[in-house]
Amino acid sequence: MLVVLWSYFAIMESSKFQATFGKMAMGLRVVDQEGKKITFHRATARFWSKSFSAITVLIGWFMAGFTKKKQALHDLIAQTYVVNKAGLQLSRYYPPVHPQEVYTEGPQV
């Protein structure tokens, strides 16, 4: 049964859908640090890392509510993000800004 679950999550999250059926229904996608589709290897790491989220008495999942980038423990380990599909599409029009490209007035600290 564990192999079936691993296969389902890893294949679906690394596929062109970038989500399981439940995430698709909620309009969510799993992406890497650049907002791109994750690899099968990263999806596998994300799946197996969920065991750490579980053995911490589910604190690993609750971490998403308190981390700066809203990542659960398994997302931190696998370096993935669960994002809203609408936000992902918006980011194509507004690419991420790199810190060295930001101009601020006054002395640099």
N, C-alpha and C. Protein backbone atom coordinates (compact mmCIF):
# COMPACT_ATOMS: atom_id res chain seq x y z
N MET A 1 0.82 -1.20 0.00
CA MET A 1 0.00 0.00 0.00
C MET A 1 0.87 1.26 0.00
N LEU A 2 1.97 1.21 0.73
CA LEU A 2 2.87 2.36 0.79
C LEU A 2 3.47 2.68 -0.58
N VAL A 3 3.78 1.65 -1.35
CA VAL A 3 4.33 1.84 -2.70
C VAL A 3 3.28 2.50 -3.60
N VAL A 4 2.03 2.10 -3.44
CA VAL A 4 0.95 2.69 -4.23
C VAL A 4 0.79 4.17 -3.89
N LEU A 5 0.79 4.50 -2.59
CA LEU A 5 0.68 5.91 -2.17
C LEU A 5 1.85 6.74 -2.67
N TRP A 6 3.06 6.21 -2.48
CA TRP A 6 4.25 6.92 -2.96
C TRP A 6 4.16 7.17 -4.46
N SER A 7 3.81 6.13 -5.21
CA SER A 7 3.70 6.27 -6.67
C SER A 7 2.67 7.33 -7.05
N TYR A 8 1.53 7.30 -6.42
CA TYR A 8 0.47 8.27 -6.71
C TYR A 8 0.94 9.70 -6.47
N PHE A 9 1.46 9.97 -5.28
CA PHE A 9 1.88 11.33 -4.95
C PHE A 9 3.06 11.78 -5.80
N ALA A 10 4.07 10.94 -5.94
CA ALA A 10 5.26 11.33 -6.69
C ALA A 10 4.96 11.52 -8.17
N ILE A 11 4.19 10.64 -8.75
CA ILE A 11 3.87 10.76 -10.18
C ILE A 11 2.98 11.98 -10.44
N MET A 12 1.94 12.14 -9.64
CA MET A 12 1.01 13.25 -9.86
C MET A 12 1.67 14.62 -9.63
N GLU A 13 2.44 14.74 -8.55
CA GLU A 13 3.04 16.04 -8.24
C GLU A 13 4.19 16.39 -9.18
N SER A 14 4.79 15.41 -9.81
CA SER A 14 5.86 15.69 -10.77
C SER A 14 5.35 15.68 -12.21
N SER A 15 4.07 15.46 -12.39
CA SER A 15 3.48 15.44 -13.74
C SER A 15 3.17 16.85 -14.22
N LYS A 16 2.60 16.96 -15.40
CA LYS A 16 2.23 18.27 -15.93
C LYS A 16 1.13 18.92 -15.08
N PHE A 17 0.39 18.11 -14.30
CA PHE A 17 -0.67 18.64 -13.44
C PHE A 17 -0.10 19.32 -12.20
N GLN A 18 1.06 18.89 -11.75
CA GLN A 18 1.76 19.42 -10.57
C GLN A 18 0.94 19.29 -9.30
N ALA A 19 0.02 18.35 -9.25
CA ALA A 19 -0.84 18.22 -8.08
C ALA A 19 -1.54 16.87 -8.08
N THR A 20 -1.95 16.45 -6.89
CA THR A 20 -2.82 15.29 -6.78
C THR A 20 -4.23 15.75 -7.14
N PHE A 21 -5.17 14.83 -7.24
CA PHE A 21 -6.54 15.19 -7.59
C PHE A 21 -7.14 16.14 -6.56
N GLY A 22 -6.83 15.93 -5.30
CA GLY A 22 -7.34 16.81 -4.24
C GLY A 22 -6.79 18.23 -4.36
N LYS A 23 -5.50 18.34 -4.62
CA LYS A 23 -4.90 19.67 -4.80
C LYS A 23 -5.47 20.35 -6.05
N MET A 24 -5.67 19.57 -7.12
CA MET A 24 -6.25 20.15 -8.34
C MET A 24 -7.64 20.69 -8.06
N ALA A 25 -8.44 19.96 -7.28
CA ALA A 25 -9.79 20.40 -6.95
C ALA A 25 -9.77 21.70 -6.15
N MET A 26 -8.72 21.90 -5.36
CA MET A 26 -8.59 23.12 -4.55
C MET A 26 -7.85 24.24 -5.29
N GLY A 27 -7.39 23.96 -6.51
CA GLY A 27 -6.67 24.97 -7.29
C GLY A 27 -5.25 25.18 -6.81
N LEU A 28 -4.63 24.13 -6.28
CA LEU A 28 -3.27 24.21 -5.75
C LEU A 28 -2.30 23.47 -6.65
N ARG A 29 -1.04 23.88 -6.61
CA ARG A 29 0.03 23.23 -7.36
C ARG A 29 1.25 23.11 -6.46
N VAL A 30 2.09 22.11 -6.71
CA VAL A 30 3.35 21.93 -6.01
C VAL A 30 4.45 22.38 -6.96
N VAL A 31 5.28 23.32 -6.50
CA VAL A 31 6.34 23.88 -7.34
C VAL A 31 7.67 23.87 -6.60
N ASP A 32 8.75 24.10 -7.36
CA ASP A 32 10.07 24.21 -6.75
C ASP A 32 10.33 25.66 -6.35
N GLN A 33 11.55 25.97 -6.00
CA GLN A 33 11.90 27.32 -5.54
C GLN A 33 11.77 28.38 -6.62
N GLU A 34 11.77 27.97 -7.86
CA GLU A 34 11.65 28.92 -8.97
C GLU A 34 10.23 28.96 -9.53
N GLY A 35 9.31 28.26 -8.88
CA GLY A 35 7.93 28.23 -9.34
C GLY A 35 7.70 27.28 -10.49
N LYS A 36 8.64 26.37 -10.72
CA LYS A 36 8.54 25.43 -11.84
C LYS A 36 8.10 24.06 -11.35
N LYS A 37 7.74 23.21 -12.28
CA LYS A 37 7.33 21.84 -11.99
C LYS A 37 8.46 21.11 -11.27
N ILE A 38 8.10 20.33 -10.25
CA ILE A 38 9.12 19.60 -9.51
C ILE A 38 9.46 18.30 -10.23
N THR A 39 10.64 17.79 -9.97
CA THR A 39 11.08 16.54 -10.56
C THR A 39 10.50 15.36 -9.78
N PHE A 40 10.55 14.19 -10.38
CA PHE A 40 10.09 12.98 -9.70
C PHE A 40 10.92 12.76 -8.43
N HIS A 41 12.21 13.03 -8.51
CA HIS A 41 13.09 12.87 -7.35
C HIS A 41 12.65 13.78 -6.21
N ARG A 42 12.36 15.03 -6.51
CA ARG A 42 11.93 15.99 -5.48
C ARG A 42 10.56 15.60 -4.93
N ALA A 43 9.66 15.12 -5.80
CA ALA A 43 8.34 14.67 -5.34
C ALA A 43 8.48 13.47 -4.42
N THR A 44 9.43 12.59 -4.73
CA THR A 44 9.70 11.43 -3.88
C THR A 44 10.23 11.89 -2.52
N ALA A 45 11.15 12.84 -2.52
CA ALA A 45 11.68 13.38 -1.27
C ALA A 45 10.57 14.03 -0.45
N ARG A 46 9.68 14.74 -1.12
CA ARG A 46 8.56 15.38 -0.43
C ARG A 46 7.66 14.33 0.21
N PHE A 47 7.35 13.26 -0.53
CA PHE A 47 6.49 12.21 0.01
C PHE A 47 7.11 11.56 1.25
N TRP A 48 8.35 11.12 1.14
CA TRP A 48 8.97 10.41 2.27
C TRP A 48 9.25 11.34 3.44
N SER A 49 9.42 12.63 3.17
CA SER A 49 9.63 13.60 4.25
C SER A 49 8.38 13.81 5.07
N LYS A 50 7.23 13.45 4.52
CA LYS A 50 5.98 13.58 5.28
C LYS A 50 6.00 12.71 6.52
N SER A 51 6.83 11.67 6.54
CA SER A 51 6.93 10.84 7.74
C SER A 51 7.51 11.64 8.90
N PHE A 52 8.41 12.59 8.61
CA PHE A 52 8.93 13.47 9.66
C PHE A 52 7.85 14.40 10.17
N SER A 53 7.01 14.88 9.26
CA SER A 53 5.89 15.73 9.67
C SER A 53 4.93 14.95 10.56
N ALA A 54 4.76 13.68 10.27
CA ALA A 54 3.84 12.84 11.04
C ALA A 54 4.41 12.47 12.41
N ILE A 55 5.68 12.10 12.48
CA ILE A 55 6.23 11.64 13.77
C ILE A 55 6.44 12.78 14.76
N THR A 56 6.30 14.01 14.30
CA THR A 56 6.40 15.15 15.22
C THR A 56 5.01 15.50 15.77
N VAL A 57 4.14 14.51 15.85
CA VAL A 57 2.76 14.67 16.32
C VAL A 57 2.05 15.73 15.47
N LEU A 58 2.28 15.65 14.17
CA LEU A 58 1.69 16.53 13.16
C LEU A 58 2.16 17.98 13.22
N ILE A 59 3.13 18.26 14.07
CA ILE A 59 3.66 19.62 14.14
C ILE A 59 4.28 20.02 12.81
N GLY A 60 4.81 19.05 12.08
CA GLY A 60 5.39 19.33 10.77
C GLY A 60 4.41 19.97 9.82
N TRP A 61 3.14 19.59 9.90
CA TRP A 61 2.12 20.21 9.05
C TRP A 61 1.70 21.56 9.61
N PHE A 62 1.60 21.68 10.92
CA PHE A 62 1.21 22.95 11.53
C PHE A 62 2.25 24.05 11.30
N MET A 63 3.49 23.64 11.04
CA MET A 63 4.55 24.62 10.77
C MET A 63 4.19 25.54 9.61
N ALA A 64 3.41 25.06 8.67
CA ALA A 64 3.04 25.86 7.50
C ALA A 64 2.33 27.14 7.92
N GLY A 65 1.64 27.11 9.01
CA GLY A 65 0.95 28.31 9.48
C GLY A 65 1.87 29.33 10.12
N PHE A 66 3.10 28.94 10.42
CA PHE A 66 4.00 29.82 11.16
C PHE A 66 5.31 30.14 10.44
N THR A 67 5.60 29.46 9.35
CA THR A 67 6.84 29.76 8.64
C THR A 67 6.61 30.92 7.68
N LYS A 68 7.66 31.64 7.39
CA LYS A 68 7.57 32.84 6.56
C LYS A 68 6.97 32.55 5.19
N LYS A 69 7.37 31.44 4.58
CA LYS A 69 6.90 31.11 3.24
C LYS A 69 5.80 30.05 3.26
N LYS A 70 5.19 29.84 4.43
CA LYS A 70 4.07 28.92 4.60
C LYS A 70 4.38 27.49 4.13
N GLN A 71 5.55 27.00 4.55
CA GLN A 71 5.97 25.65 4.18
C GLN A 71 5.85 24.72 5.38
N ALA A 72 5.33 23.53 5.13
CA ALA A 72 5.33 22.47 6.14
C ALA A 72 6.75 21.88 6.21
N LEU A 73 6.99 21.07 7.21
CA LEU A 73 8.32 20.48 7.38
C LEU A 73 8.77 19.72 6.13
N HIS A 74 7.88 18.93 5.55
CA HIS A 74 8.26 18.15 4.36
C HIS A 74 8.54 19.06 3.16
N ASP A 75 7.89 20.22 3.09
CA ASP A 75 8.20 21.17 2.02
C ASP A 75 9.56 21.83 2.24
N LEU A 76 9.89 22.12 3.48
CA LEU A 76 11.21 22.67 3.78
C LEU A 76 12.31 21.68 3.40
N ILE A 77 12.10 20.41 3.75
CA ILE A 77 13.09 19.38 3.45
C ILE A 77 13.25 19.20 1.94
N ALA A 78 12.14 19.14 1.21
CA ALA A 78 12.18 18.90 -0.24
C ALA A 78 12.35 20.19 -1.05
N GLN A 79 12.36 21.32 -0.37
CA GLN A 79 12.48 22.63 -1.02
C GLN A 79 11.38 22.82 -2.06
N THR A 80 10.14 22.63 -1.61
CA THR A 80 8.97 22.79 -2.46
C THR A 80 7.99 23.76 -1.82
N TYR A 81 7.04 24.20 -2.63
CA TYR A 81 5.99 25.09 -2.17
C TYR A 81 4.66 24.61 -2.72
N VAL A 82 3.61 24.76 -1.96
CA VAL A 82 2.26 24.52 -2.45
C VAL A 82 1.66 25.89 -2.67
N VAL A 83 1.31 26.18 -3.93
CA VAL A 83 0.84 27.52 -4.28
C VAL A 83 -0.53 27.45 -4.93
N ASN A 84 -1.22 28.56 -4.88
CA ASN A 84 -2.49 28.70 -5.55
C ASN A 84 -2.25 28.82 -7.04
N LYS A 85 -3.00 28.11 -7.84
CA LYS A 85 -2.81 28.12 -9.29
C LYS A 85 -2.92 29.54 -9.85
N ALA A 86 -3.84 30.33 -9.34
CA ALA A 86 -4.01 31.71 -9.81
C ALA A 86 -2.75 32.53 -9.52
N GLY A 87 -2.16 32.34 -8.35
CA GLY A 87 -0.94 33.05 -8.01
C GLY A 87 0.22 32.62 -8.86
N LEU A 88 0.25 31.34 -9.23
CA LEU A 88 1.31 30.82 -10.09
C LEU A 88 1.20 31.44 -11.48
N GLN A 89 -0.01 31.55 -11.99
CA GLN A 89 -0.20 32.17 -13.29
C GLN A 89 0.14 33.64 -13.25
N LEU A 90 -0.19 34.32 -12.17
CA LEU A 90 0.13 35.73 -12.03
C LEU A 90 1.63 35.94 -12.02
N SER A 91 2.38 35.00 -11.42
CA SER A 91 3.83 35.17 -11.32
C SER A 91 4.51 35.11 -12.68
N ARG A 92 3.83 34.56 -13.69
CA ARG A 92 4.41 34.55 -15.03
C ARG A 92 4.46 35.97 -15.59
N TYR A 93 3.54 36.80 -15.17
CA TYR A 93 3.49 38.18 -15.64
C TYR A 93 4.35 39.10 -14.77
N TYR A 94 4.53 38.69 -13.53
CA TYR A 94 5.34 39.47 -12.59
C TYR A 94 6.43 38.57 -12.05
N PRO A 95 7.55 38.45 -12.76
CA PRO A 95 8.61 37.54 -12.32
C PRO A 95 9.18 37.97 -10.97
N PRO A 96 9.77 37.03 -10.23
CA PRO A 96 10.33 37.37 -8.93
C PRO A 96 11.45 38.39 -9.06
N VAL A 97 11.55 39.23 -8.07
CA VAL A 97 12.58 40.26 -8.06
C VAL A 97 13.74 39.75 -7.21
N HIS A 98 14.94 39.84 -7.75
CA HIS A 98 16.13 39.43 -7.03
C HIS A 98 16.62 40.59 -6.18
N PRO A 99 17.13 40.34 -4.97
CA PRO A 99 17.55 41.41 -4.08
C PRO A 99 18.55 42.39 -4.70
N GLN A 100 19.46 41.92 -5.55
CA GLN A 100 20.45 42.81 -6.14
C GLN A 100 19.84 43.74 -7.18
N GLU A 101 18.60 43.47 -7.62
CA GLU A 101 17.93 44.31 -8.59
C GLU A 101 17.04 45.37 -7.94
N VAL A 102 16.93 45.33 -6.63
CA VAL A 102 16.06 46.27 -5.93
C VAL A 102 16.84 47.52 -5.59
N TYR A 103 16.30 48.69 -5.99
CA TYR A 103 16.95 49.96 -5.67
C TYR A 103 16.24 50.58 -4.49
N THR A 104 16.99 50.91 -3.49
CA THR A 104 16.41 51.62 -2.35
C THR A 104 17.21 52.88 -2.12
N GLU A 105 16.52 53.93 -1.72
CA GLU A 105 17.20 55.19 -1.44
C GLU A 105 17.86 55.12 -0.07
N GLY A 106 18.87 55.90 0.11
CA GLY A 106 19.54 55.96 1.40
C GLY A 106 20.69 54.96 1.49
N PRO A 107 21.33 54.94 2.63
CA PRO A 107 22.49 54.04 2.79
C PRO A 107 22.07 52.58 2.78
N GLN A 108 22.90 51.77 2.18
CA GLN A 108 22.67 50.33 2.14
C GLN A 108 23.18 49.72 3.44
N VAL A 109 22.37 48.90 4.05
CA VAL A 109 22.75 48.28 5.32
C VAL A 109 23.15 46.86 5.10
